[in-house]
PDB file of N, CA and C in Angstrom:
ATOM      1  N   MET A   1      -3.799 -48.644-139.539  1.00  0.00           N
ATOM      2  CA  MET A   1      -4.878 -49.254-138.801  1.00  0.00           C
ATOM      3  C   MET A   1      -6.067 -49.407-139.752  1.00  0.00           C
ATOM      4  N   ASN A   2      -6.585 -50.649-139.839  1.00  0.00           N
ATOM      5  CA  ASN A   2      -7.710 -50.853-140.739  1.00  0.00           C
ATOM      6  C   ASN A   2      -9.011 -50.356-140.103  1.00  0.00           C
ATOM      7  N   ALA A   3     -10.087 -50.338-140.885  1.00  0.00           N
ATOM      8  CA  ALA A   3     -11.346 -49.760-140.435  1.00  0.00           C
ATOM      9  C   ALA A   3     -11.925 -50.500-139.224  1.00  0.00           C
ATOM     10  N   GLN A   4     -11.854 -51.813-139.203  1.00  0.00           N
ATOM     11  CA  GLN A   4     -12.408 -52.577-138.097  1.00  0.00           C
ATOM     12  C   GLN A   4     -11.620 -52.324-136.803  1.00  0.00           C
ATOM     13  N   THR A   5     -10.310 -52.262-136.896  1.00  0.00           N
ATOM     14  CA  THR A   5      -9.475 -51.971-135.732  1.00  0.00           C
ATOM     15  C   THR A   5      -9.791 -50.571-135.202  1.00  0.00           C
ATOM     16  N   ALA A   6      -9.954 -49.624-136.097  1.00  0.00           N
ATOM     17  CA  ALA A   6     -10.298 -48.262-135.691  1.00  0.00           C
ATOM     18  C   ALA A   6     -11.669 -48.230-135.020  1.00  0.00           C
ATOM     19  N   ARG A   7     -12.622 -49.010-135.517  1.00  0.00           N
ATOM     20  CA  ARG A   7     -13.965 -49.067-134.927  1.00  0.00           C
ATOM     21  C   ARG A   7     -13.910 -49.619-133.507  1.00  0.00           C
ATOM     22  N   ILE A   8     -13.089 -50.640-133.293  1.00  0.00           N
ATOM     23  CA  ILE A   8     -12.958 -51.235-131.967  1.00  0.00           C
ATOM     24  C   ILE A   8     -12.320 -50.238-131.002  1.00  0.00           C
ATOM     25  N   ALA A   9     -11.297 -49.528-131.451  1.00  0.00           N
ATOM     26  CA  ALA A   9     -10.664 -48.501-130.614  1.00  0.00           C
ATOM     27  C   ALA A   9     -11.677 -47.417-130.257  1.00  0.00           C
ATOM     28  N   THR A  10     -12.510 -47.023-131.193  1.00  0.00           N
ATOM     29  CA  THR A  10     -13.540 -46.012-130.940  1.00  0.00           C
ATOM     30  C   THR A  10     -14.556 -46.511-129.928  1.00  0.00           C
ATOM     31  N   GLN A  11     -14.962 -47.777-130.034  1.00  0.00           N
ATOM     32  CA  GLN A  11     -15.917 -48.342-129.074  1.00  0.00           C
ATOM     33  C   GLN A  11     -15.334 -48.345-127.658  1.00  0.00           C
ATOM     34  N   ALA A  12     -14.054 -48.677-127.553  1.00  0.00           N
ATOM     35  CA  ALA A  12     -13.403 -48.682-126.237  1.00  0.00           C
ATOM     36  C   ALA A  12     -13.348 -47.259-125.668  1.00  0.00           C
ATOM     37  N   ARG A  13     -13.002 -46.299-126.503  1.00  0.00           N
ATOM     38  CA  ARG A  13     -12.953 -44.900-126.040  1.00  0.00           C
ATOM     39  C   ARG A  13     -14.352 -44.406-125.662  1.00  0.00           C
ATOM     40  N   ASP A  14     -15.355 -44.765-126.449  1.00  0.00           N
ATOM     41  CA  ASP A  14     -16.730 -44.359-126.151  1.00  0.00           C
ATOM     42  C   ASP A  14     -17.206 -44.930-124.815  1.00  0.00           C
ATOM     43  N   ALA A  15     -16.652 -46.075-124.409  1.00  0.00           N
ATOM     44  CA  ALA A  15     -17.008 -46.683-123.124  1.00  0.00           C
ATOM     45  C   ALA A  15     -16.245 -46.039-121.965  1.00  0.00           C
ATOM     46  N   GLY A  16     -15.328 -45.126-122.280  1.00  0.00           N
ATOM     47  CA  GLY A  16     -14.616 -44.399-121.239  1.00  0.00           C
ATOM     48  C   GLY A  16     -13.189 -44.854-120.992  1.00  0.00           C
ATOM     49  N   PHE A  17     -12.674 -45.742-121.833  1.00  0.00           N
ATOM     50  CA  PHE A  17     -11.301 -46.215-121.675  1.00  0.00           C
ATOM     51  C   PHE A  17     -10.351 -45.376-122.521  1.00  0.00           C
ATOM     52  N   GLN A  18      -9.099 -45.340-122.095  1.00  0.00           N
ATOM     53  CA  GLN A  18      -8.033 -44.773-122.924  1.00  0.00           C
ATOM     54  C   GLN A  18      -7.333 -45.962-123.575  1.00  0.00           C
ATOM     55  N   VAL A  19      -7.186 -45.940-124.882  1.00  0.00           N
ATOM     56  CA  VAL A  19      -6.555 -47.040-125.606  1.00  0.00           C
ATOM     57  C   VAL A  19      -5.056 -46.767-125.678  1.00  0.00           C
ATOM     58  N   ALA A  20      -4.276 -47.559-124.946  1.00  0.00           N
ATOM     59  CA  ALA A  20      -2.822 -47.396-124.934  1.00  0.00           C
ATOM     60  C   ALA A  20      -2.181 -48.181-126.066  1.00  0.00           C
ATOM     61  N   GLU A  21      -2.698 -49.389-126.318  1.00  0.00           N
ATOM     62  CA  GLU A  21      -2.168 -50.246-127.384  1.00  0.00           C
ATOM     63  C   GLU A  21      -3.309 -51.041-127.985  1.00  0.00           C
ATOM     64  N   ILE A  22      -3.188 -51.337-129.267  1.00  0.00           N
ATOM     65  CA  ILE A  22      -4.134 -52.227-129.928  1.00  0.00           C
ATOM     66  C   ILE A  22      -3.381 -53.038-130.965  1.00  0.00           C
ATOM     67  N   GLU A  23      -3.630 -54.325-130.963  1.00  0.00           N
ATOM     68  CA  GLU A  23      -2.951 -55.226-131.884  1.00  0.00           C
ATOM     69  C   GLU A  23      -3.973 -56.202-132.455  1.00  0.00           C
ATOM     70  N   GLN A  24      -4.024 -56.296-133.774  1.00  0.00           N
ATOM     71  CA  GLN A  24      -4.914 -57.271-134.403  1.00  0.00           C
ATOM     72  C   GLN A  24      -4.163 -58.593-134.491  1.00  0.00           C
ATOM     73  N   LEU A  25      -4.674 -59.593-133.771  1.00  0.00           N
ATOM     74  CA  LEU A  25      -4.023 -60.900-133.722  1.00  0.00           C
ATOM     75  C   LEU A  25      -4.448 -61.783-134.890  1.00  0.00           C
ATOM     76  N   ARG A  26      -5.709 -61.698-135.264  1.00  0.00           N
ATOM     77  CA  ARG A  26      -6.282 -62.423-136.404  1.00  0.00           C
ATOM     78  C   ARG A  26      -7.311 -61.501-137.041  1.00  0.00           C
ATOM     79  N   TYR A  27      -7.933 -61.972-138.099  1.00  0.00           N
ATOM     80  CA  TYR A  27      -8.890 -61.104-138.776  1.00  0.00           C
ATOM     81  C   TYR A  27     -10.091 -60.768-137.895  1.00  0.00           C
ATOM     82  N   ASN A  28     -10.350 -61.566-136.842  1.00  0.00           N
ATOM     83  CA  ASN A  28     -11.494 -61.333-135.968  1.00  0.00           C
ATOM     84  C   ASN A  28     -11.116 -61.279-134.482  1.00  0.00           C
ATOM     85  N   ARG A  29      -9.852 -60.988-134.194  1.00  0.00           N
ATOM     86  CA  ARG A  29      -9.366 -61.023-132.805  1.00  0.00           C
ATOM     87  C   ARG A  29      -8.356 -59.909-132.574  1.00  0.00           C
ATOM     88  N   TRP A  30      -8.583 -59.141-131.471  1.00  0.00           N
ATOM     89  CA  TRP A  30      -7.718 -58.018-131.151  1.00  0.00           C
ATOM     90  C   TRP A  30      -7.324 -58.074-129.680  1.00  0.00           C
ATOM     91  N   LEU A  31      -6.154 -57.569-129.368  1.00  0.00           N
ATOM     92  CA  LEU A  31      -5.686 -57.439-128.000  1.00  0.00           C
ATOM     93  C   LEU A  31      -5.462 -55.955-127.741  1.00  0.00           C
ATOM     94  N   LEU A  32      -6.100 -55.446-126.688  1.00  0.00           N
ATOM     95  CA  LEU A  32      -5.999 -54.034-126.358  1.00  0.00           C
ATOM     96  C   LEU A  32      -5.474 -53.880-124.938  1.00  0.00           C
ATOM     97  N   LEU A  33      -4.656 -52.878-124.740  1.00  0.00           N
ATOM     98  CA  LEU A  33      -4.268 -52.449-123.403  1.00  0.00           C
ATOM     99  C   LEU A  33      -5.001 -51.142-123.174  1.00  0.00           C
ATOM    100  N   LEU A  34      -5.880 -51.160-122.181  1.00  0.00           N
ATOM    101  CA  LEU A  34      -6.720 -50.012-121.884  1.00  0.00           C
ATOM    102  C   LEU A  34      -6.332 -49.433-120.533  1.00  0.00           C
ATOM    103  N   HIS A  35      -6.540 -48.140-120.365  1.00  0.00           N
ATOM    104  CA  HIS A  35      -6.315 -47.482-119.085  1.00  0.00           C
ATOM    105  C   HIS A  35      -7.619 -46.826-118.664  1.00  0.00           C
ATOM    106  N   THR A  36      -7.856 -46.802-117.356  1.00  0.00           N
ATOM    107  CA  THR A  36      -9.018 -46.098-116.827  1.00  0.00           C
ATOM    108  C   THR A  36      -8.554 -44.780-116.221  1.00  0.00           C
ATOM    109  N   THR A  37      -9.513 -43.940-115.894  1.00  0.00           N
ATOM    110  CA  THR A  37      -9.156 -42.662-115.268  1.00  0.00           C
ATOM    111  C   THR A  37      -8.576 -42.885-113.880  1.00  0.00           C
ATOM    112  N   ALA A  38      -8.848 -44.041-113.283  1.00  0.00           N
ATOM    113  CA  ALA A  38      -8.300 -44.371-111.963  1.00  0.00           C
ATOM    114  C   ALA A  38      -6.892 -44.952-112.069  1.00  0.00           C
ATOM    115  N   GLY A  39      -6.374 -45.072-113.298  1.00  0.00           N
ATOM    116  CA  GLY A  39      -5.017 -45.578-113.482  1.00  0.00           C
ATOM    117  C   GLY A  39      -4.922 -47.088-113.604  1.00  0.00           C
ATOM    118  N   GLU A  40      -6.056 -47.769-113.691  1.00  0.00           N
ATOM    119  CA  GLU A  40      -6.032 -49.222-113.846  1.00  0.00           C
ATOM    120  C   GLU A  40      -5.640 -49.595-115.274  1.00  0.00           C
ATOM    121  N   ARG A  41      -4.906 -50.699-115.377  1.00  0.00           N
ATOM    122  CA  ARG A  41      -4.534 -51.237-116.697  1.00  0.00           C
ATOM    123  C   ARG A  41      -5.422 -52.459-116.965  1.00  0.00           C
ATOM    124  N   ILE A  42      -6.204 -52.394-118.036  1.00  0.00           N
ATOM    125  CA  ILE A  42      -7.124 -53.461-118.402  1.00  0.00           C
ATOM    126  C   ILE A  42      -6.624 -54.093-119.695  1.00  0.00           C
ATOM    127  N   LEU A  43      -6.450 -55.421-119.667  1.00  0.00           N
ATOM    128  CA  LEU A  43      -6.080 -56.148-120.871  1.00  0.00           C
ATOM    129  C   LEU A  43      -7.368 -56.714-121.462  1.00  0.00           C
ATOM    130  N   ALA A  44      -7.704 -56.279-122.660  1.00  0.00           N
ATOM    131  CA  ALA A  44      -8.952 -56.706-123.298  1.00  0.00           C
ATOM    132  C   ALA A  44      -8.648 -57.572-124.512  1.00  0.00           C
ATOM    133  N   LEU A  45      -9.262 -58.741-124.547  1.00  0.00           N
ATOM    134  CA  LEU A  45      -9.200 -59.620-125.712  1.00  0.00           C
ATOM    135  C   LEU A  45     -10.558 -59.529-126.372  1.00  0.00           C
ATOM    136  N   VAL A  46     -10.593 -58.992-127.579  1.00  0.00           N
ATOM    137  CA  VAL A  46     -11.846 -58.737-128.292  1.00  0.00           C
ATOM    138  C   VAL A  46     -11.978 -59.751-129.422  1.00  0.00           C
ATOM    139  N   GLN A  47     -13.129 -60.411-129.457  1.00  0.00           N
ATOM    140  CA  GLN A  47     -13.411 -61.412-130.491  1.00  0.00           C
ATOM    141  C   GLN A  47     -14.665 -60.993-131.248  1.00  0.00           C
ATOM    142  N   GLN A  48     -14.612 -61.044-132.556  1.00  0.00           N
ATOM    143  CA  GLN A  48     -15.802 -60.753-133.344  1.00  0.00           C
ATOM    144  C   GLN A  48     -16.195 -62.031-134.090  1.00  0.00           C
ATOM    145  N   ARG A  49     -17.055 -62.790-133.402  1.00  0.00           N
ATOM    146  CA  ARG A  49     -17.600 -64.001-134.004  1.00  0.00           C
ATOM    147  C   ARG A  49     -18.814 -64.424-133.192  1.00  0.00           C
ATOM    148  N   PRO A  50     -19.624 -65.331-133.725  1.00  0.00           N
ATOM    149  CA  PRO A  50     -20.900 -65.663-133.076  1.00  0.00           C
ATOM    150  C   PRO A  50     -20.780 -66.302-131.694  1.00  0.00           C
ATOM    151  N   LEU A  51     -19.754 -67.130-131.451  1.00  0.00           N
ATOM    152  CA  LEU A  51     -19.689 -67.872-130.200  1.00  0.00           C
ATOM    153  C   LEU A  51     -18.264 -67.893-129.662  1.00  0.00           C
ATOM    154  N   LEU A  52     -18.100 -67.429-128.432  1.00  0.00           N
ATOM    155  CA  LEU A  52     -16.801 -67.502-127.769  1.00  0.00           C
ATOM    156  C   LEU A  52     -16.823 -68.693-126.821  1.00  0.00           C
ATOM    157  N   THR A  53     -15.700 -69.411-126.746  1.00  0.00           N
ATOM    158  CA  THR A  53     -15.647 -70.666-126.008  1.00  0.00           C
ATOM    159  C   THR A  53     -14.665 -70.592-124.832  1.00  0.00           C
ATOM    160  N   SER A  54     -14.537 -71.714-124.164  1.00  0.00           N
ATOM    161  CA  SER A  54     -13.607 -71.783-123.028  1.00  0.00           C
ATOM    162  C   SER A  54     -12.164 -71.550-123.475  1.00  0.00           C
ATOM    163  N   ASN A  55     -11.834 -71.888-124.708  1.00  0.00           N
ATOM    164  CA  ASN A  55     -10.473 -71.627-125.215  1.00  0.00           C
ATOM    165  C   ASN A  55     -10.148 -70.141-125.170  1.00  0.00           C
ATOM    166  N   ASP A  56     -11.126 -69.316-125.496  1.00  0.00           N
ATOM    167  CA  ASP A  56     -10.919 -67.868-125.469  1.00  0.00           C
ATOM    168  C   ASP A  56     -10.696 -67.378-124.042  1.00  0.00           C
ATOM    169  N   VAL A  57     -11.439 -67.938-123.097  1.00  0.00           N
ATOM    170  CA  VAL A  57     -11.272 -67.579-121.687  1.00  0.00           C
ATOM    171  C   VAL A  57      -9.865 -67.946-121.219  1.00  0.00           C
ATOM    172  N   HIS A  58      -9.424 -69.143-121.574  1.00  0.00           N
ATOM    173  CA  HIS A  58      -8.087 -69.595-121.166  1.00  0.00           C
ATOM    174  C   HIS A  58      -6.992 -68.769-121.840  1.00  0.00           C
ATOM    175  N   ASP A  59      -7.214 -68.378-123.099  1.00  0.00           N
ATOM    176  CA  ASP A  59      -6.237 -67.517-123.780  1.00  0.00           C
ATOM    177  C   ASP A  59      -6.055 -66.210-123.023  1.00  0.00           C
ATOM    178  N   LEU A  60      -7.158 -65.589-122.620  1.00  0.00           N
ATOM    179  CA  LEU A  60      -7.063 -64.332-121.890  1.00  0.00           C
ATOM    180  C   LEU A  60      -6.397 -64.552-120.535  1.00  0.00           C
ATOM    181  N   ALA A  61      -6.738 -65.622-119.846  1.00  0.00           N
ATOM    182  CA  ALA A  61      -6.131 -65.901-118.539  1.00  0.00           C
ATOM    183  C   ALA A  61      -4.610 -66.052-118.670  1.00  0.00           C
ATOM    184  N   GLU A  62      -4.155 -66.704-119.727  1.00  0.00           N
ATOM    185  CA  GLU A  62      -2.714 -66.860-119.948  1.00  0.00           C
ATOM    186  C   GLU A  62      -2.059 -65.512-120.236  1.00  0.00           C
ATOM    187  N   LEU A  63      -2.712 -64.695-121.049  1.00  0.00           N
ATOM    188  CA  LEU A  63      -2.170 -63.364-121.346  1.00  0.00           C
ATOM    189  C   LEU A  63      -2.110 -62.505-120.083  1.00  0.00           C
ATOM    190  N   MET A  64      -3.107 -62.645-119.232  1.00  0.00           N
ATOM    191  CA  MET A  64      -3.111 -61.900-117.968  1.00  0.00           C
ATOM    192  C   MET A  64      -1.965 -62.348-117.068  1.00  0.00           C
ATOM    193  N   ALA A  65      -1.685 -63.641-117.054  1.00  0.00           N
ATOM    194  CA  ALA A  65      -0.588 -64.145-116.229  1.00  0.00           C
ATOM    195  C   ALA A  65       0.754 -63.598-116.718  1.00  0.00           C
ATOM    196  N   LEU A  66       0.890 -63.419-118.018  1.00  0.00           N
ATOM    197  CA  LEU A  66       2.136 -62.902-118.584  1.00  0.00           C
ATOM    198  C   LEU A  66       2.287 -61.399-118.413  1.00  0.00           C
ATOM    199  N   ARG A  67       1.205 -60.664-118.614  1.00  0.00           N
ATOM    200  CA  ARG A  67       1.286 -59.196-118.651  1.00  0.00           C
ATOM    201  C   ARG A  67       0.916 -58.510-117.345  1.00  0.00           C
ATOM    202  N   ARG A  68       0.298 -59.200-116.438  1.00  0.00           N
ATOM    203  CA  ARG A  68      -0.058 -58.696-115.110  1.00  0.00           C
ATOM    204  C   ARG A  68      -0.850 -57.386-115.115  1.00  0.00           C
ATOM    205  N   PRO A  69      -1.977 -57.332-115.836  1.00  0.00           N
ATOM    206  CA  PRO A  69      -2.799 -56.121-115.786  1.00  0.00           C
ATOM    207  C   PRO A  69      -3.608 -56.087-114.487  1.00  0.00           C
ATOM    208  N   THR A  70      -4.246 -54.962-114.234  1.00  0.00           N
ATOM    209  CA  THR A  70      -5.145 -54.852-113.089  1.00  0.00           C
ATOM    210  C   THR A  70      -6.330 -55.798-113.267  1.00  0.00           C
ATOM    211  N   ALA A  71      -6.820 -55.886-114.518  1.00  0.00           N
ATOM    212  CA  ALA A  71      -7.977 -56.725-114.810  1.00  0.00           C
ATOM    213  C   ALA A  71      -7.931 -57.176-116.259  1.00  0.00           C
ATOM    214  N   GLY A  72      -8.725 -58.199-116.558  1.00  0.00           N
ATOM    215  CA  GLY A  72      -8.847 -58.707-117.917  1.00  0.00           C
ATOM    216  C   GLY A  72     -10.297 -58.650-118.351  1.00  0.00           C
ATOM    217  N   LEU A  73     -10.497 -58.373-119.623  1.00  0.00           N
ATOM    218  CA  LEU A  73     -11.832 -58.224-120.180  1.00  0.00           C
ATOM    219  C   LEU A  73     -11.905 -59.015-121.479  1.00  0.00           C
ATOM    220  N   LEU A  74     -12.771 -60.008-121.523  1.00  0.00           N
ATOM    221  CA  LEU A  74     -13.002 -60.759-122.750  1.00  0.00           C
ATOM    222  C   LEU A  74     -14.281 -60.206-123.366  1.00  0.00           C
ATOM    223  N   VAL A  75     -14.157 -59.605-124.545  1.00  0.00           N
ATOM    224  CA  VAL A  75     -15.269 -58.902-125.178  1.00  0.00           C
ATOM    225  C   VAL A  75     -15.753 -59.684-126.388  1.00  0.00           C
ATOM    226  N   ALA A  76     -17.053 -59.984-126.383  1.00  0.00           N
ATOM    227  CA  ALA A  76     -17.691 -60.624-127.533  1.00  0.00           C
ATOM    228  C   ALA A  76     -18.371 -59.537-128.359  1.00  0.00           C
ATOM    229  N   LEU A  77     -17.915 -59.357-129.577  1.00  0.00           N
ATOM    230  CA  LEU A  77     -18.585 -58.439-130.498  1.00  0.00           C
ATOM    231  C   LEU A  77     -19.411 -59.275-131.468  1.00  0.00           C
ATOM    232  N   ASP A  78     -20.663 -58.939-131.604  1.00  0.00           N
ATOM    233  CA  ASP A  78     -21.566 -59.647-132.522  1.00  0.00           C
ATOM    234  C   ASP A  78     -21.690 -61.123-132.165  1.00  0.00           C
ATOM    235  N   GLY A  79     -21.644 -61.447-130.884  1.00  0.00           N
ATOM    236  CA  GLY A  79     -21.746 -62.839-130.473  1.00  0.00           C
ATOM    237  C   GLY A  79     -22.070 -62.957-129.001  1.00  0.00           C
ATOM    238  N   HIS A  80     -21.888 -64.174-128.479  1.00  0.00           N
ATOM    239  CA  HIS A  80     -22.133 -64.419-127.060  1.00  0.00           C
ATOM    240  C   HIS A  80     -21.178 -65.504-126.567  1.00  0.00           C
ATOM    241  N   PHE A  81     -21.259 -65.814-125.280  1.00  0.00           N
ATOM    242  CA  PHE A  81     -20.370 -66.797-124.654  1.00  0.00           C
ATOM    243  C   PHE A  81     -21.079 -68.138-124.510  1.00  0.00           C
ATOM    244  N   SER A  82     -20.358 -69.186-124.843  1.00  0.00           N
ATOM    245  CA  SER A  82     -20.914 -70.529-124.677  1.00  0.00           C
ATOM    246  C   SER A  82     -21.025 -70.832-123.186  1.00  0.00           C
ATOM    247  N   PRO A  83     -21.872 -71.801-122.822  1.00  0.00           N
ATOM    248  CA  PRO A  83     -21.936 -72.209-121.412  1.00  0.00           C
ATOM    249  C   PRO A  83     -20.574 -72.682-120.886  1.00  0.00           C
ATOM    250  N   THR A  84     -19.781 -73.330-121.732  1.00  0.00           N
ATOM    251  CA  THR A  84     -18.460 -73.784-121.266  1.00  0.00           C
ATOM    252  C   THR A  84     -17.526 -72.600-121.022  1.00  0.00           C
ATOM    253  N   ALA A  85     -17.668 -71.523-121.795  1.00  0.00           N
ATOM    254  CA  ALA A  85     -16.853 -70.323-121.562  1.00  0.00           C
ATOM    255  C   ALA A  85     -17.221 -69.707-120.224  1.00  0.00           C
ATOM    256  N   GLN A  86     -18.507 -69.627-119.948  1.00  0.00           N
ATOM    257  CA  GLN A  86     -18.956 -69.059-118.678  1.00  0.00           C
ATOM    258  C   GLN A  86     -18.504 -69.925-117.506  1.00  0.00           C
ATOM    259  N   ARG A  87     -18.594 -71.228-117.668  1.00  0.00           N
ATOM    260  CA  ARG A  87     -18.158 -72.145-116.607  1.00  0.00           C
ATOM    261  C   ARG A  87     -16.651 -72.042-116.393  1.00  0.00           C
ATOM    262  N   SER A  88     -15.882 -71.966-117.480  1.00  0.00           N
ATOM    263  CA  SER A  88     -14.421 -71.837-117.366  1.00  0.00           C
ATOM    264  C   SER A  88     -14.040 -70.568-116.620  1.00  0.00           C
ATOM    265  N   ALA A  89     -14.726 -69.471-116.904  1.00  0.00           N
ATOM    266  CA  ALA A  89     -14.429 -68.215-116.218  1.00  0.00           C
ATOM    267  C   ALA A  89     -14.681 -68.354-114.716  1.00  0.00           C
ATOM    268  N   ARG A  90     -15.771 -69.011-114.357  1.00  0.00           N
ATOM    269  CA  ARG A  90     -16.057 -69.226-112.919  1.00  0.00           C
ATOM    270  C   ARG A  90     -15.033 -70.156-112.293  1.00  0.00           C
ATOM    271  N   GLU A  91     -14.678 -71.240-112.996  1.00  0.00           N
ATOM    272  CA  GLU A  91     -13.749 -72.227-112.446  1.00  0.00           C
ATOM    273  C   GLU A  91     -12.344 -71.674-112.263  1.00  0.00           C
ATOM    274  N   LEU A  92     -11.937 -70.747-113.132  1.00  0.00           N
ATOM    275  CA  LEU A  92     -10.613 -70.136-112.979  1.00  0.00           C
ATOM    276  C   LEU A  92     -10.534 -69.325-111.691  1.00  0.00           C
ATOM    277  N   GLY A  93     -11.656 -68.820-111.249  1.00  0.00           N
ATOM    278  CA  GLY A  93     -11.693 -68.093-109.990  1.00  0.00           C
ATOM    279  C   GLY A  93     -10.948 -66.772-109.999  1.00  0.00           C
ATOM    280  N   LEU A  94     -10.798 -66.176-111.157  1.00  0.00           N
ATOM    281  CA  LEU A  94     -10.113 -64.883-111.260  1.00  0.00           C
ATOM    282  C   LEU A  94     -11.159 -63.777-111.131  1.00  0.00           C
ATOM    283  N   SER A  95     -11.173 -63.134-109.999  1.00  0.00           N
ATOM    284  CA  SER A  95     -12.167 -62.089-109.773  1.00  0.00           C
ATOM    285  C   SER A  95     -11.958 -60.885-110.688  1.00  0.00           C
ATOM    286  N   ASN A  96     -10.780 -60.779-111.273  1.00  0.00           N
ATOM    287  CA  ASN A  96     -10.486 -59.634-112.138  1.00  0.00           C
ATOM    288  C   ASN A  96     -10.621 -59.971-113.625  1.00  0.00           C
ATOM    289  N   LEU A  97     -11.240 -61.111-113.961  1.00  0.00           N
ATOM    290  CA  LEU A  97     -11.501 -61.487-115.351  1.00  0.00           C
ATOM    291  C   LEU A  97     -12.996 -61.365-115.596  1.00  0.00           C
ATOM    292  N   THR A  98     -13.366 -60.550-116.574  1.00  0.00           N
ATOM    293  CA  THR A  98     -14.770 -60.277-116.863  1.00  0.00           C
ATOM    294  C   THR A  98     -15.100 -60.672-118.295  1.00  0.00           C
ATOM    295  N   LEU A  99     -16.259 -61.312-118.470  1.00  0.00           N
ATOM    296  CA  LEU A  99     -16.801 -61.602-119.795  1.00  0.00           C
ATOM    297  C   LEU A  99     -17.847 -60.539-120.093  1.00  0.00           C
ATOM    298  N   SER A 100     -17.813 -59.984-121.300  1.00  0.00           N
ATOM    299  CA  SER A 100     -18.739 -58.910-121.635  1.00  0.00           C
ATOM    300  C   SER A 100     -19.133 -58.969-123.103  1.00  0.00           C
ATOM    301  N   VAL A 101     -20.411 -58.754-123.362  1.00  0.00           N
ATOM    302  CA  VAL A 101     -20.887 -58.607-124.736  1.00  0.00           C
ATOM    303  C   VAL A 101     -20.813 -57.116-125.038  1.00  0.00           C
ATOM    304  N   GLY A 102     -19.855 -56.722-125.837  1.00  0.00           N
ATOM    305  CA  GLY A 102     -19.584 -55.308-126.071  1.00  0.00           C
ATOM    306  C   GLY A 102     -18.729 -54.754-124.942  1.00  0.00           C
ATOM    307  N   PHE A 103     -18.296 -53.526-125.096  1.00  0.00           N
ATOM    308  CA  PHE A 103     -17.455 -52.898-124.074  1.00  0.00           C
ATOM    309  C   PHE A 103     -18.340 -52.369-122.942  1.00  0.00           C
ATOM    310  N   PRO A 104     -18.040 -52.743-121.705  1.00  0.00           N
ATOM    311  CA  PRO A 104     -18.773 -52.151-120.583  1.00  0.00           C
ATOM    312  C   PRO A 104     -18.247 -50.738-120.329  1.00  0.00           C
ATOM    313  N   SER A 105     -18.965 -49.978-119.541  1.00  0.00           N
ATOM    314  CA  SER A 105     -18.480 -48.641-119.165  1.00  0.00           C
ATOM    315  C   SER A 105     -17.239 -48.779-118.296  1.00  0.00           C
ATOM    316  N   ALA A 106     -16.276 -47.943-118.553  1.00  0.00           N
ATOM    317  CA  ALA A 106     -15.048 -47.954-117.751  1.00  0.00           C
ATOM    318  C   ALA A 106     -15.389 -47.562-116.327  1.00  0.00           C
ATOM    319  N   PRO A 107     -14.717 -48.183-115.350  1.00  0.00           N
ATOM    320  CA  PRO A 107     -14.980 -47.797-113.962  1.00  0.00           C
ATOM    321  C   PRO A 107     -14.594 -46.345-113.722  1.00  0.00           C
ATOM    322  N   ALA A 108     -15.404 -45.681-112.928  1.00  0.00           N
ATOM    323  CA  ALA A 108     -15.123 -44.279-112.592  1.00  0.00           C
ATOM    324  C   ALA A 108     -13.938 -44.218-111.646  1.00  0.00           C
ATOM    325  N   SER A 109     -13.302 -43.095-111.621  1.00  0.00           N
ATOM    326  CA  SER A 109     -12.169 -42.897-110.727  1.00  0.00           C
ATOM    327  C   SER A 109     -12.620 -43.052-109.284  1.00  0.00           C
ATOM    328  N   THR A 110     -11.842 -43.795-108.517  1.00  0.00           N
ATOM    329  CA  THR A 110     -12.172 -43.997-107.105  1.00  0.00           C
ATOM    330  C   THR A 110     -11.345 -43.084-106.205  1.00  0.00           C
ATOM    331  N   ALA A 111     -10.533 -42.259-106.815  1.00  0.00           N
ATOM    332  CA  ALA A 111      -9.693 -41.356-106.018  1.00  0.00           C
ATOM    333  C   ALA A 111     -10.571 -40.302-105.354  1.00  0.00           C
ATOM    334  N   ALA A 112     -10.321 -40.074-104.117  1.00  0.00           N
ATOM    335  CA  ALA A 112     -11.099 -39.071-103.387  1.00  0.00           C
ATOM    336  C   ALA A 112     -10.700 -37.683-103.846  1.00  0.00           C
ATOM    337  N   ALA A 113     -11.650 -36.798-103.816  1.00  0.00           N
ATOM    338  CA  ALA A 113     -11.353 -35.414-104.173  1.00  0.00           C
ATOM    339  C   ALA A 113     -10.461 -34.826-103.085  1.00  0.00           C
ATOM    340  N   PRO A 114      -9.527 -33.985-103.459  1.00  0.00           N
ATOM    341  CA  PRO A 114      -8.651 -33.403-102.437  1.00  0.00           C
ATOM    342  C   PRO A 114      -9.468 -32.582-101.447  1.00  0.00           C
ATOM    343  N   ALA A 115      -9.080 -32.652-100.191  1.00  0.00           N
ATOM    344  CA  ALA A 115      -9.785 -31.899 -99.156  1.00  0.00           C
ATOM    345  C   ALA A 115      -9.547 -30.419 -99.355  1.00  0.00           C
ATOM    346  N   ALA A 116     -10.583 -29.669 -99.072  1.00  0.00           N
ATOM    347  CA  ALA A 116     -10.460 -28.211 -99.218  1.00  0.00           C
ATOM    348  C   ALA A 116      -9.514 -27.681 -98.135  1.00  0.00           C
ATOM    349  N   ALA A 117      -8.731 -26.745 -98.495  1.00  0.00           N
ATOM    350  CA  ALA A 117      -7.808 -26.125 -97.523  1.00  0.00           C
ATOM    351  C   ALA A 117      -8.631 -25.332 -96.514  1.00  0.00           C
ATOM    352  N   PRO A 118      -8.248 -25.376 -95.234  1.00  0.00           N
ATOM    353  CA  PRO A 118      -9.010 -24.607 -94.253  1.00  0.00           C
ATOM    354  C   PRO A 118      -8.890 -23.114 -94.530  1.00  0.00           C
ATOM    355  N   ALA A 119      -9.990 -22.439 -94.287  1.00  0.00           N
ATOM    356  CA  ALA A 119      -9.987 -20.987 -94.504  1.00  0.00           C
ATOM    357  C   ALA A 119      -9.119 -20.310 -93.473  1.00  0.00           C
ATOM    358  N   LEU A 120      -8.439 -19.257 -93.879  1.00  0.00           N
ATOM    359  CA  LEU A 120      -7.620 -18.486 -92.927  1.00  0.00           C
ATOM    360  C   LEU A 120      -8.527 -17.544 -92.151  1.00  0.00           C
ATOM    361  N   GLU A 121      -8.290 -17.485 -90.880  1.00  0.00           N
ATOM    362  CA  GLU A 121      -9.060 -16.582 -90.037  1.00  0.00           C
ATOM    363  C   GLU A 121      -8.361 -15.223 -90.013  1.00  0.00           C
ATOM    364  N   THR A 122      -9.142 -14.217 -90.051  1.00  0.00           N
ATOM    365  CA  THR A 122      -8.557 -12.876 -89.929  1.00  0.00           C
ATOM    366  C   THR A 122      -8.580 -12.460 -88.478  1.00  0.00           C
ATOM    367  N   LEU A 123      -7.535 -11.854 -88.042  1.00  0.00           N
ATOM    368  CA  LEU A 123      -7.444 -11.404 -86.664  1.00  0.00           C
ATOM    369  C   LEU A 123      -7.791  -9.964 -86.544  1.00  0.00           C
TER     370      LEU A 123
END
């Protein structure tokens, strides 16, 4: 694992995700399979360049259709999203596809705490 790939994995872990898989697709593009404490599987497409476009949004949407994660995350490192990328994300209508500059905090576990056992009464 090269230094940049390791840095991206560290950023994902620092945001609260568990990194299950990481693959460098190009010198500035990575695909990560992340897990949350709630058991959700997040497919993250990370791009390190100044401007992400609608092509990047569509790439992630296609990967999500193939891999069926709980959610998809398009991460811009050292950049931002073009207006067409933002419009494409809205037009796709995928409520589980998120655009983010940097890694957002992983969602907290939504599992309810186990109920306390009733106390035994003494007779």
